């Protein structure tokens, strides 16, 4: 996940790892995952890998713990994720798709 280096996430201008640069004439690159009628948008391959790592855990981490480092204890993406995507079976499907997209 991209960690802001100079302020809150919504106002930051520098991130670690760096966000991809905009493509001239096209805007920011976006990776899209559609699965079971829902869509996830990613700003970078690093975000895709982070989501695959989190969702790939047999026991999901608590969103409060995941968001502590950024003082976002109730606004971490996992706490806002559609509950239909949180079963182990669905998470495995999503992880396979994300890892396939990263490999290809």
N, C-alpha and C. Protein backbone atom coordinates (compact mmCIF):
# COMPACT_ATOMS: atom_id res chain seq x y z
N UNK A 1 0.85 -1.17 0.00
CA UNK A 1 0.00 0.00 0.00
C UNK A 1 0.88 1.23 0.00
N UNK A 2 0.43 2.27 -0.60
CA UNK A 2 1.19 3.51 -0.66
C UNK A 2 1.06 4.26 0.65
N UNK A 3 2.19 4.56 1.26
CA UNK A 3 2.22 5.28 2.54
C UNK A 3 2.55 6.73 2.26
N UNK A 4 1.69 7.68 2.70
CA UNK A 4 1.97 9.09 2.46
C UNK A 4 3.18 9.53 3.28
N UNK A 5 4.05 10.34 2.66
CA UNK A 5 5.25 10.82 3.33
C UNK A 5 5.14 12.25 3.81
N UNK A 6 4.14 12.97 3.33
CA UNK A 6 4.06 14.39 3.69
C UNK A 6 2.63 14.83 4.02
N UNK A 7 2.01 14.16 4.95
CA UNK A 7 0.68 14.56 5.38
C UNK A 7 -0.33 13.45 5.25
N UNK A 8 -1.59 13.80 5.43
CA UNK A 8 -2.68 12.84 5.32
C UNK A 8 -2.76 12.30 3.89
N UNK A 9 -3.28 11.11 3.73
CA UNK A 9 -3.31 10.45 2.44
C UNK A 9 -3.98 11.33 1.37
N UNK A 10 -5.09 11.96 1.71
CA UNK A 10 -5.84 12.73 0.71
C UNK A 10 -5.17 14.05 0.32
N UNK A 11 -4.17 14.50 1.09
CA UNK A 11 -3.46 15.73 0.73
C UNK A 11 -1.99 15.49 0.39
N UNK A 12 -1.52 14.28 0.55
CA UNK A 12 -0.10 13.98 0.33
C UNK A 12 0.29 14.15 -1.13
N UNK A 13 1.55 14.50 -1.33
CA UNK A 13 2.08 14.63 -2.69
C UNK A 13 3.21 13.63 -2.93
N UNK A 14 3.73 13.02 -1.85
CA UNK A 14 4.79 12.02 -1.99
C UNK A 14 4.37 10.76 -1.26
N UNK A 15 4.64 9.60 -1.87
CA UNK A 15 4.25 8.31 -1.31
C UNK A 15 5.40 7.32 -1.38
N UNK A 16 5.37 6.32 -0.49
CA UNK A 16 6.32 5.23 -0.53
C UNK A 16 5.53 3.93 -0.60
N UNK A 17 5.62 3.10 -1.63
CA UNK A 17 6.38 3.35 -2.85
C UNK A 17 5.72 4.49 -3.64
N UNK A 18 6.48 5.11 -4.54
CA UNK A 18 5.93 6.23 -5.32
C UNK A 18 4.72 5.82 -6.14
N UNK A 19 3.78 6.73 -6.27
CA UNK A 19 2.62 6.48 -7.13
C UNK A 19 3.07 6.57 -8.59
N UNK A 20 2.45 5.82 -9.48
CA UNK A 20 2.82 5.92 -10.90
C UNK A 20 2.55 7.33 -11.43
N UNK A 21 3.34 7.74 -12.38
CA UNK A 21 3.16 9.06 -12.99
C UNK A 21 1.99 9.02 -13.96
N UNK A 22 1.32 10.15 -14.16
CA UNK A 22 0.24 10.18 -15.14
C UNK A 22 0.78 9.95 -16.55
N UNK A 23 -0.04 9.32 -17.38
CA UNK A 23 0.31 9.08 -18.77
C UNK A 23 -0.12 10.31 -19.56
N UNK A 24 0.81 10.97 -20.27
CA UNK A 24 0.44 12.19 -21.01
C UNK A 24 -0.75 11.96 -21.95
N UNK A 25 -1.75 12.81 -21.82
CA UNK A 25 -2.93 12.73 -22.66
C UNK A 25 -3.96 11.69 -22.22
N UNK A 26 -3.61 10.85 -21.22
CA UNK A 26 -4.54 9.81 -20.77
C UNK A 26 -4.89 9.89 -19.29
N UNK A 27 -4.08 10.58 -18.50
CA UNK A 27 -4.34 10.67 -17.07
C UNK A 27 -3.60 9.59 -16.29
N UNK A 28 -4.10 9.32 -15.10
CA UNK A 28 -3.44 8.37 -14.21
C UNK A 28 -3.76 6.94 -14.63
N UNK A 29 -2.77 6.05 -14.53
CA UNK A 29 -3.05 4.64 -14.83
C UNK A 29 -3.97 4.04 -13.76
N UNK A 30 -4.86 3.18 -14.18
CA UNK A 30 -5.79 2.52 -13.26
C UNK A 30 -5.87 1.06 -13.66
N UNK A 31 -5.77 0.19 -12.67
CA UNK A 31 -5.97 -1.23 -12.90
C UNK A 31 -7.31 -1.59 -12.30
N UNK A 32 -8.11 -2.38 -13.01
CA UNK A 32 -9.48 -2.68 -12.60
C UNK A 32 -9.65 -4.19 -12.44
N UNK A 33 -10.27 -4.59 -11.34
CA UNK A 33 -10.62 -6.00 -11.12
C UNK A 33 -12.13 -6.08 -10.97
N UNK A 34 -12.77 -6.82 -11.85
CA UNK A 34 -14.21 -7.06 -11.76
C UNK A 34 -14.41 -8.50 -11.35
N UNK A 35 -15.22 -8.70 -10.31
CA UNK A 35 -15.45 -10.05 -9.80
C UNK A 35 -16.80 -10.11 -9.11
N UNK A 36 -17.63 -11.06 -9.50
CA UNK A 36 -18.93 -11.29 -8.87
C UNK A 36 -19.78 -10.01 -8.79
N UNK A 37 -19.77 -9.24 -9.85
CA UNK A 37 -20.61 -8.05 -9.90
C UNK A 37 -20.07 -6.84 -9.17
N UNK A 38 -18.85 -6.91 -8.68
CA UNK A 38 -18.23 -5.79 -7.98
C UNK A 38 -16.95 -5.40 -8.69
N UNK A 39 -16.52 -4.17 -8.50
CA UNK A 39 -15.33 -3.67 -9.16
C UNK A 39 -14.40 -3.04 -8.13
N UNK A 40 -13.11 -3.36 -8.25
CA UNK A 40 -12.07 -2.71 -7.45
C UNK A 40 -11.15 -1.97 -8.40
N UNK A 41 -10.74 -0.77 -8.00
CA UNK A 41 -9.82 0.04 -8.79
C UNK A 41 -8.51 0.17 -8.02
N UNK A 42 -7.41 0.00 -8.73
CA UNK A 42 -6.08 0.07 -8.12
C UNK A 42 -5.26 1.16 -8.80
N UNK A 43 -4.47 1.88 -7.99
CA UNK A 43 -3.61 2.94 -8.52
C UNK A 43 -2.25 2.42 -8.94
N UNK A 44 -1.90 1.20 -8.52
CA UNK A 44 -0.57 0.68 -8.86
C UNK A 44 -0.51 -0.83 -8.64
N UNK A 45 0.48 -1.47 -9.23
CA UNK A 45 0.69 -2.91 -8.96
C UNK A 45 1.01 -3.17 -7.49
N UNK A 46 1.66 -2.21 -6.81
CA UNK A 46 1.95 -2.39 -5.38
C UNK A 46 0.66 -2.49 -4.57
N UNK A 47 -0.34 -1.70 -4.94
CA UNK A 47 -1.63 -1.80 -4.25
C UNK A 47 -2.26 -3.16 -4.50
N UNK A 48 -2.18 -3.65 -5.73
CA UNK A 48 -2.74 -4.96 -6.04
C UNK A 48 -2.06 -6.04 -5.21
N UNK A 49 -0.74 -5.97 -5.09
CA UNK A 49 0.00 -6.96 -4.31
C UNK A 49 -0.37 -6.88 -2.83
N UNK A 50 -0.54 -5.67 -2.31
CA UNK A 50 -0.92 -5.49 -0.91
C UNK A 50 -2.30 -6.10 -0.64
N UNK A 51 -3.26 -5.83 -1.52
CA UNK A 51 -4.60 -6.37 -1.34
C UNK A 51 -4.56 -7.90 -1.43
N UNK A 52 -3.79 -8.45 -2.36
CA UNK A 52 -3.66 -9.90 -2.47
C UNK A 52 -3.06 -10.48 -1.19
N UNK A 53 -2.06 -9.81 -0.62
CA UNK A 53 -1.45 -10.29 0.62
C UNK A 53 -2.45 -10.29 1.78
N UNK A 54 -3.20 -9.20 1.91
CA UNK A 54 -4.16 -9.10 3.01
C UNK A 54 -5.29 -10.11 2.84
N UNK A 55 -5.89 -10.17 1.64
CA UNK A 55 -7.01 -11.08 1.42
C UNK A 55 -6.57 -12.54 1.39
N UNK A 56 -5.30 -12.80 1.13
CA UNK A 56 -4.80 -14.17 1.07
C UNK A 56 -4.56 -14.81 2.42
N UNK A 57 -4.66 -14.05 3.48
CA UNK A 57 -4.49 -14.61 4.82
C UNK A 57 -5.73 -15.40 5.20
N UNK A 58 -5.53 -16.59 5.73
CA UNK A 58 -6.68 -17.43 6.12
C UNK A 58 -7.58 -16.70 7.12
N UNK A 59 -6.96 -16.08 8.11
CA UNK A 59 -7.70 -15.28 9.09
C UNK A 59 -7.40 -13.82 8.77
N UNK A 60 -8.44 -13.08 8.42
CA UNK A 60 -8.25 -11.67 8.05
C UNK A 60 -7.78 -10.85 9.24
N UNK A 61 -6.87 -9.94 8.97
CA UNK A 61 -6.46 -8.99 10.00
C UNK A 61 -7.61 -8.04 10.29
N UNK A 62 -7.63 -7.49 11.48
CA UNK A 62 -8.67 -6.52 11.84
C UNK A 62 -8.37 -5.19 11.13
N UNK A 63 -9.38 -4.58 10.49
CA UNK A 63 -9.16 -3.29 9.83
C UNK A 63 -8.58 -2.24 10.77
N UNK A 64 -8.97 -2.27 12.03
CA UNK A 64 -8.46 -1.31 13.01
C UNK A 64 -6.94 -1.44 13.13
N UNK A 65 -6.42 -2.67 13.14
CA UNK A 65 -4.98 -2.90 13.25
C UNK A 65 -4.27 -2.47 11.96
N UNK A 66 -4.89 -2.77 10.81
CA UNK A 66 -4.29 -2.42 9.52
C UNK A 66 -4.20 -0.91 9.33
N UNK A 67 -5.15 -0.17 9.86
CA UNK A 67 -5.17 1.27 9.67
C UNK A 67 -4.45 2.08 10.73
N UNK A 68 -3.97 1.42 11.79
CA UNK A 68 -3.33 2.14 12.90
C UNK A 68 -2.14 2.99 12.45
N UNK A 69 -1.30 2.45 11.60
CA UNK A 69 -0.08 3.16 11.19
C UNK A 69 -0.39 4.49 10.50
N UNK A 70 -1.55 4.58 9.85
CA UNK A 70 -1.92 5.81 9.13
C UNK A 70 -3.01 6.60 9.85
N UNK A 71 -3.27 6.23 11.11
CA UNK A 71 -4.35 6.86 11.89
C UNK A 71 -5.68 6.81 11.14
N UNK A 72 -5.93 5.68 10.52
CA UNK A 72 -7.15 5.49 9.74
C UNK A 72 -7.89 4.26 10.25
N UNK A 73 -8.08 4.19 11.56
CA UNK A 73 -8.58 2.95 12.16
C UNK A 73 -9.97 2.55 11.69
N UNK A 74 -10.78 3.48 11.25
CA UNK A 74 -12.12 3.11 10.79
C UNK A 74 -12.32 3.41 9.31
N UNK A 75 -11.26 3.75 8.60
CA UNK A 75 -11.44 4.03 7.18
C UNK A 75 -10.47 3.22 6.32
N UNK A 76 -9.94 2.15 6.87
CA UNK A 76 -9.09 1.27 6.08
C UNK A 76 -9.96 0.60 5.02
N UNK A 77 -9.39 0.33 3.84
CA UNK A 77 -10.17 -0.23 2.74
C UNK A 77 -10.85 -1.53 3.13
N UNK A 78 -10.25 -2.32 4.02
CA UNK A 78 -10.86 -3.60 4.40
C UNK A 78 -12.16 -3.39 5.17
N UNK A 79 -12.23 -2.33 5.98
CA UNK A 79 -13.46 -2.07 6.74
C UNK A 79 -14.59 -1.59 5.83
N UNK A 80 -14.25 -1.12 4.63
CA UNK A 80 -15.25 -0.63 3.68
C UNK A 80 -15.56 -1.63 2.56
N UNK A 81 -14.87 -2.77 2.57
CA UNK A 81 -15.04 -3.75 1.51
C UNK A 81 -16.40 -4.44 1.63
N UNK A 82 -17.03 -4.69 0.50
CA UNK A 82 -18.31 -5.38 0.47
C UNK A 82 -18.18 -6.73 1.17
N UNK A 83 -19.07 -7.01 2.09
CA UNK A 83 -18.99 -8.24 2.90
C UNK A 83 -19.08 -9.50 2.05
N UNK A 84 -19.68 -9.40 0.86
CA UNK A 84 -19.77 -10.56 -0.03
C UNK A 84 -18.39 -11.03 -0.48
N UNK A 85 -17.38 -10.16 -0.41
CA UNK A 85 -16.03 -10.51 -0.84
C UNK A 85 -15.18 -11.07 0.28
N UNK A 86 -15.69 -11.16 1.50
CA UNK A 86 -14.85 -11.51 2.64
C UNK A 86 -14.83 -12.99 3.00
N UNK A 87 -15.65 -13.81 2.36
CA UNK A 87 -15.58 -15.24 2.66
C UNK A 87 -14.26 -15.78 2.12
N UNK A 88 -13.78 -16.85 2.74
CA UNK A 88 -12.49 -17.45 2.34
C UNK A 88 -12.52 -17.86 0.87
N UNK A 89 -13.61 -18.46 0.41
CA UNK A 89 -13.69 -18.93 -0.98
C UNK A 89 -13.57 -17.75 -1.96
N UNK A 90 -14.31 -16.70 -1.72
CA UNK A 90 -14.28 -15.53 -2.61
C UNK A 90 -12.92 -14.85 -2.55
N UNK A 91 -12.36 -14.74 -1.36
CA UNK A 91 -11.04 -14.11 -1.23
C UNK A 91 -9.99 -14.89 -2.02
N UNK A 92 -10.07 -16.22 -1.99
CA UNK A 92 -9.13 -17.03 -2.77
C UNK A 92 -9.27 -16.73 -4.26
N UNK A 93 -10.51 -16.59 -4.74
CA UNK A 93 -10.75 -16.27 -6.15
C UNK A 93 -10.14 -14.91 -6.51
N UNK A 94 -10.34 -13.93 -5.63
CA UNK A 94 -9.82 -12.58 -5.88
C UNK A 94 -8.29 -12.60 -5.89
N UNK A 95 -7.69 -13.30 -4.95
CA UNK A 95 -6.23 -13.37 -4.88
C UNK A 95 -5.66 -14.02 -6.14
N UNK A 96 -6.30 -15.07 -6.63
CA UNK A 96 -5.84 -15.73 -7.86
C UNK A 96 -5.88 -14.73 -9.02
N UNK A 97 -6.97 -13.97 -9.14
CA UNK A 97 -7.09 -12.98 -10.22
C UNK A 97 -6.04 -11.88 -10.08
N UNK A 98 -5.83 -11.39 -8.87
CA UNK A 98 -4.85 -10.33 -8.67
C UNK A 98 -3.44 -10.81 -8.99
N UNK A 99 -3.09 -11.99 -8.51
CA UNK A 99 -1.74 -12.52 -8.77
C UNK A 99 -1.55 -12.82 -10.25
N UNK A 100 -2.61 -13.27 -10.92
CA UNK A 100 -2.54 -13.49 -12.36
C UNK A 100 -2.31 -12.20 -13.12
N UNK A 101 -2.99 -11.14 -12.69
CA UNK A 101 -2.83 -9.83 -13.33
C UNK A 101 -1.41 -9.29 -13.09
N UNK A 102 -0.88 -9.52 -11.90
CA UNK A 102 0.46 -9.05 -11.60
C UNK A 102 1.52 -9.82 -12.38
N UNK A 103 1.28 -11.10 -12.60
CA UNK A 103 2.25 -11.94 -13.32
C UNK A 103 2.19 -11.68 -14.83
N UNK A 104 1.03 -11.29 -15.32
CA UNK A 104 0.87 -11.14 -16.77
C UNK A 104 1.03 -9.75 -17.20
